[in-house]
């Protein structure tokens, strides 16, 4: 079985653009090879930028081992 930790997260090469939307602010997420997506619902530009930082940290973090283990 291949080591899954060597496979990059699908959003590892994504770019993020904070932009105003009618409801406040949104983040346009551009993943290479995919259509852009907009994450909406941020009241302030700072909140949208904080989401980008948090999301990017999650994407770049090492994978979490999950599942059943025998003891």
Protein backbone atom coordinates (compact mmCIF):
# COMPACT_ATOMS: atom_id res chain seq x y z
CA UNK A 1 0.00 0.00 0.00
CA UNK A 2 1.35 3.45 -0.90
CA UNK A 3 2.21 5.94 1.82
CA UNK A 4 -0.66 8.45 1.88
CA UNK A 5 1.48 11.07 3.59
CA UNK A 6 3.39 11.58 0.33
CA UNK A 7 0.26 12.60 -1.57
CA UNK A 8 -0.34 16.37 -1.35
CA UNK A 9 -3.68 17.78 -0.27
CA UNK A 10 -5.88 18.69 -3.28
CA UNK A 11 -5.85 22.36 -2.19
CA UNK A 12 -2.07 22.52 -1.64
CA UNK A 13 -1.61 24.67 -4.76
CA UNK A 14 -4.80 26.71 -4.33
CA UNK A 15 -4.83 30.48 -4.43
CA UNK A 16 -7.19 32.61 -2.36
CA UNK A 17 -8.64 36.03 -3.15
CA UNK A 18 -10.72 37.97 -0.62
CA UNK A 19 -13.44 39.97 -2.37
CA UNK A 20 -16.56 41.90 -1.44
CA UNK A 21 -19.88 40.16 -2.06
CA UNK A 22 -23.41 41.47 -1.41
CA UNK A 23 -23.56 39.70 1.98
CA UNK A 24 -20.20 41.06 3.20
CA UNK A 25 -17.00 39.35 2.09
CA UNK A 26 -16.12 36.10 0.37
CA UNK A 27 -13.01 34.16 -0.52
CA UNK A 28 -12.53 32.94 -4.07
CA UNK A 29 -10.66 29.63 -3.93
CA UNK A 30 -8.85 28.68 -7.14
CA UNK A 31 -7.67 25.07 -7.22
CA UNK A 32 -5.65 24.19 -10.34
CA UNK A 33 -7.71 21.99 -12.66
CA UNK A 34 -11.04 22.98 -11.03
CA UNK A 35 -13.58 25.73 -11.37
CA UNK A 36 -13.21 28.55 -8.82
CA UNK A 37 -15.38 28.38 -5.72
CA UNK A 38 -16.47 31.24 -3.49
CA UNK A 39 -16.75 30.75 0.27
CA UNK A 40 -19.21 33.37 1.53
CA UNK A 41 -20.55 34.55 4.85
CA UNK A 42 -17.75 36.66 6.32
CA UNK A 43 -18.88 39.90 7.94
CA UNK A 44 -15.50 41.59 7.60
CA UNK A 45 -12.47 41.42 5.35
CA UNK A 46 -10.37 40.50 8.37
CA UNK A 47 -12.62 37.50 9.11
CA UNK A 48 -12.22 36.31 5.52
CA UNK A 49 -8.44 36.69 5.73
CA UNK A 50 -8.40 34.77 9.02
CA UNK A 51 -10.30 31.93 7.32
CA UNK A 52 -7.70 31.83 4.53
CA UNK A 53 -4.88 31.55 7.09
CA UNK A 54 -6.68 28.83 9.07
CA UNK A 55 -7.69 26.87 5.97
CA UNK A 56 -4.21 27.04 4.49
CA UNK A 57 -2.68 25.83 7.79
CA UNK A 58 -5.11 22.87 7.74
CA UNK A 59 -4.21 22.05 4.14
CA UNK A 60 -0.47 22.14 4.81
CA UNK A 61 -0.65 20.19 8.10
CA UNK A 62 0.45 16.55 8.08
CA UNK A 63 -2.38 14.05 7.61
CA UNK A 64 -4.14 12.75 10.70
CA UNK A 65 -4.08 9.00 11.27
CA UNK A 66 -7.62 7.75 11.71
CA UNK A 67 -9.22 4.37 11.95
CA UNK A 68 -9.24 1.30 14.11
CA UNK A 69 -6.10 -0.12 15.58
CA UNK A 70 -5.60 -3.41 17.33
CA UNK A 71 -4.08 -3.21 20.76
